[in-house]
């Protein structure tokens, strides 16, 4: 995923398009992740997604289901966030 991407469009369970701000991109253990939050929403937690490639080589964002992987990303994001304060 291009580092200059500032927003992405995702779809909710009902197929409604929602715009998300890209907060940061992380490279961890040869995998790429992105932390996003709904645009204009202050009270909603950020979401971590893994960046993968589809069969055509396009970036796709995948929900992280593994608890250990999610914890690793959360810790990395927390470390970056605390460094920026």
C-alpha atoms as a PDB file:
ATOM      1  CA  UNK A   1       0.000   0.000   0.000  1.00  0.00           C
ATOM      2  CA  UNK A   2       1.254   3.435  -0.894  1.00  0.00           C
ATOM      3  CA  UNK A   3       2.474   5.378   2.156  1.00  0.00           C
ATOM      4  CA  UNK A   4       0.701   8.500   0.858  1.00  0.00           C
ATOM      5  CA  UNK A   5      -2.809   7.036   1.166  1.00  0.00           C
ATOM      6  CA  UNK A   6      -4.751   9.168   3.652  1.00  0.00           C
ATOM      7  CA  UNK A   7      -8.201   7.568   3.470  1.00  0.00           C
ATOM      8  CA  UNK A   8      -9.714   4.227   2.482  1.00  0.00           C
ATOM      9  CA  UNK A   9     -13.294   3.181   1.785  1.00  0.00           C
ATOM     10  CA  UNK A  10     -14.589   0.085   3.571  1.00  0.00           C
ATOM     11  CA  UNK A  11     -18.015  -1.515   3.709  1.00  0.00           C
ATOM     12  CA  UNK A  12     -20.007  -2.403   6.812  1.00  0.00           C
ATOM     13  CA  UNK A  13     -22.134  -5.532   7.312  1.00  0.00           C
ATOM     14  CA  UNK A  14     -25.013  -3.942   5.396  1.00  0.00           C
ATOM     15  CA  UNK A  15     -22.872  -2.943   2.414  1.00  0.00           C
ATOM     16  CA  UNK A  16     -22.799   0.732   3.376  1.00  0.00           C
ATOM     17  CA  UNK A  17     -19.601   2.520   2.297  1.00  0.00           C
ATOM     18  CA  UNK A  18     -17.677   4.164   5.149  1.00  0.00           C
ATOM     19  CA  UNK A  19     -14.629   6.398   4.799  1.00  0.00           C
ATOM     20  CA  UNK A  20     -11.724   5.721   7.167  1.00  0.00           C
ATOM     21  CA  UNK A  21      -8.676   7.871   7.893  1.00  0.00           C
ATOM     22  CA  UNK A  22      -5.375   6.019   7.701  1.00  0.00           C
ATOM     23  CA  UNK A  23      -3.659   6.749  11.013  1.00  0.00           C
ATOM     24  CA  UNK A  24      -0.451   4.846  10.296  1.00  0.00           C
ATOM     25  CA  UNK A  25       1.063   1.986   8.343  1.00  0.00           C
ATOM     26  CA  UNK A  26       3.178  -0.631  10.123  1.00  0.00           C
ATOM     27  CA  UNK A  27       5.654  -3.189   8.777  1.00  0.00           C
ATOM     28  CA  UNK A  28       5.991  -6.042  11.269  1.00  0.00           C
ATOM     29  CA  UNK A  29       7.616  -9.439  10.660  1.00  0.00           C
ATOM     30  CA  UNK A  30       7.488  -9.148   6.859  1.00  0.00           C
ATOM     31  CA  UNK A  31       3.794  -8.219   6.916  1.00  0.00           C
ATOM     32  CA  UNK A  32       2.138  -4.861   6.343  1.00  0.00           C
ATOM     33  CA  UNK A  33      -0.632  -3.469   8.506  1.00  0.00           C
ATOM     34  CA  UNK A  34      -2.692  -0.314   8.537  1.00  0.00           C
ATOM     35  CA  UNK A  35      -4.426   1.366  11.472  1.00  0.00           C
ATOM     36  CA  UNK A  36      -7.616   3.173  10.446  1.00  0.00           C
ATOM     37  CA  UNK A  37     -10.435   5.079  12.159  1.00  0.00           C
ATOM     38  CA  UNK A  38     -13.769   6.267  10.758  1.00  0.00           C
ATOM     39  CA  UNK A  39     -13.422   9.773   9.306  1.00  0.00           C
ATOM     40  CA  UNK A  40     -14.839  12.417  11.624  1.00  0.00           C
ATOM     41  CA  UNK A  41     -15.547   9.997  14.473  1.00  0.00           C
ATOM     42  CA  UNK A  42     -13.756  10.883  17.699  1.00  0.00           C
ATOM     43  CA  UNK A  43     -15.280   8.284  20.033  1.00  0.00           C
ATOM     44  CA  UNK A  44     -14.676   5.162  17.947  1.00  0.00           C
ATOM     45  CA  UNK A  45     -11.599   2.996  18.451  1.00  0.00           C
ATOM     46  CA  UNK A  46      -9.067   2.521  15.681  1.00  0.00           C
ATOM     47  CA  UNK A  47      -9.113  -0.688  13.660  1.00  0.00           C
ATOM     48  CA  UNK A  48      -6.044  -2.729  12.694  1.00  0.00           C
ATOM     49  CA  UNK A  49      -6.088  -4.458   9.302  1.00  0.00           C
ATOM     50  CA  UNK A  50      -3.495  -6.591   7.490  1.00  0.00           C
ATOM     51  CA  UNK A  51      -2.575  -5.607   3.927  1.00  0.00           C
ATOM     52  CA  UNK A  52      -2.487  -8.542   1.519  1.00  0.00           C
ATOM     53  CA  UNK A  53      -2.448  -8.885  -2.266  1.00  0.00           C
ATOM     54  CA  UNK A  54      -5.270 -10.368  -4.315  1.00  0.00           C
ATOM     55  CA  UNK A  55      -4.686 -12.595  -7.351  1.00  0.00           C
ATOM     56  CA  UNK A  56      -4.248  -9.481  -9.524  1.00  0.00           C
ATOM     57  CA  UNK A  57      -1.640  -7.939  -7.213  1.00  0.00           C
ATOM     58  CA  UNK A  58      -3.995  -5.308  -5.802  1.00  0.00           C
ATOM     59  CA  UNK A  59      -3.909  -4.420  -2.116  1.00  0.00           C
ATOM     60  CA  UNK A  60      -6.751  -5.768  -0.007  1.00  0.00           C
ATOM     61  CA  UNK A  61      -7.390  -5.115   3.678  1.00  0.00           C
ATOM     62  CA  UNK A  62      -8.034  -8.166   5.837  1.00  0.00           C
ATOM     63  CA  UNK A  63      -9.514  -8.352   9.326  1.00  0.00           C
ATOM     64  CA  UNK A  64      -7.079  -9.714  11.907  1.00  0.00           C
ATOM     65  CA  UNK A  65      -8.616 -12.736  13.616  1.00  0.00           C
ATOM     66  CA  UNK A  66      -5.574 -14.085  15.497  1.00  0.00           C
ATOM     67  CA  UNK A  67      -5.347 -12.715  19.051  1.00  0.00           C
ATOM     68  CA  UNK A  68      -1.533 -12.907  19.194  1.00  0.00           C
ATOM     69  CA  UNK A  69      -1.155 -11.088  15.887  1.00  0.00           C
ATOM     70  CA  UNK A  70      -3.632  -8.427  17.011  1.00  0.00           C
ATOM     71  CA  UNK A  71      -1.790  -7.959  20.323  1.00  0.00           C
ATOM     72  CA  UNK A  72       1.542  -7.575  18.478  1.00  0.00           C
ATOM     73  CA  UNK A  73       0.073  -4.852  16.255  1.00  0.00           C
ATOM     74  CA  UNK A  74      -1.602  -3.103  19.196  1.00  0.00           C
ATOM     75  CA  UNK A  75       1.682  -2.972  21.107  1.00  0.00           C
ATOM     76  CA  UNK A  76       3.542  -1.594  18.079  1.00  0.00           C
ATOM     77  CA  UNK A  77       0.878   1.059  17.511  1.00  0.00           C
ATOM     78  CA  UNK A  78       0.846   2.015  21.205  1.00  0.00           C
ATOM     79  CA  UNK A  79       4.643   2.397  21.130  1.00  0.00           C
ATOM     80  CA  UNK A  80       4.471   4.652  18.072  1.00  0.00           C
ATOM     81  CA  UNK A  81       1.597   6.675  19.530  1.00  0.00           C
ATOM     82  CA  UNK A  82       3.384   7.265  22.831  1.00  0.00           C
ATOM     83  CA  UNK A  83       6.532   8.380  20.966  1.00  0.00           C
ATOM     84  CA  UNK A  84       4.515  11.045  19.110  1.00  0.00           C
ATOM     85  CA  UNK A  85       3.185  12.666  22.288  1.00  0.00           C
END
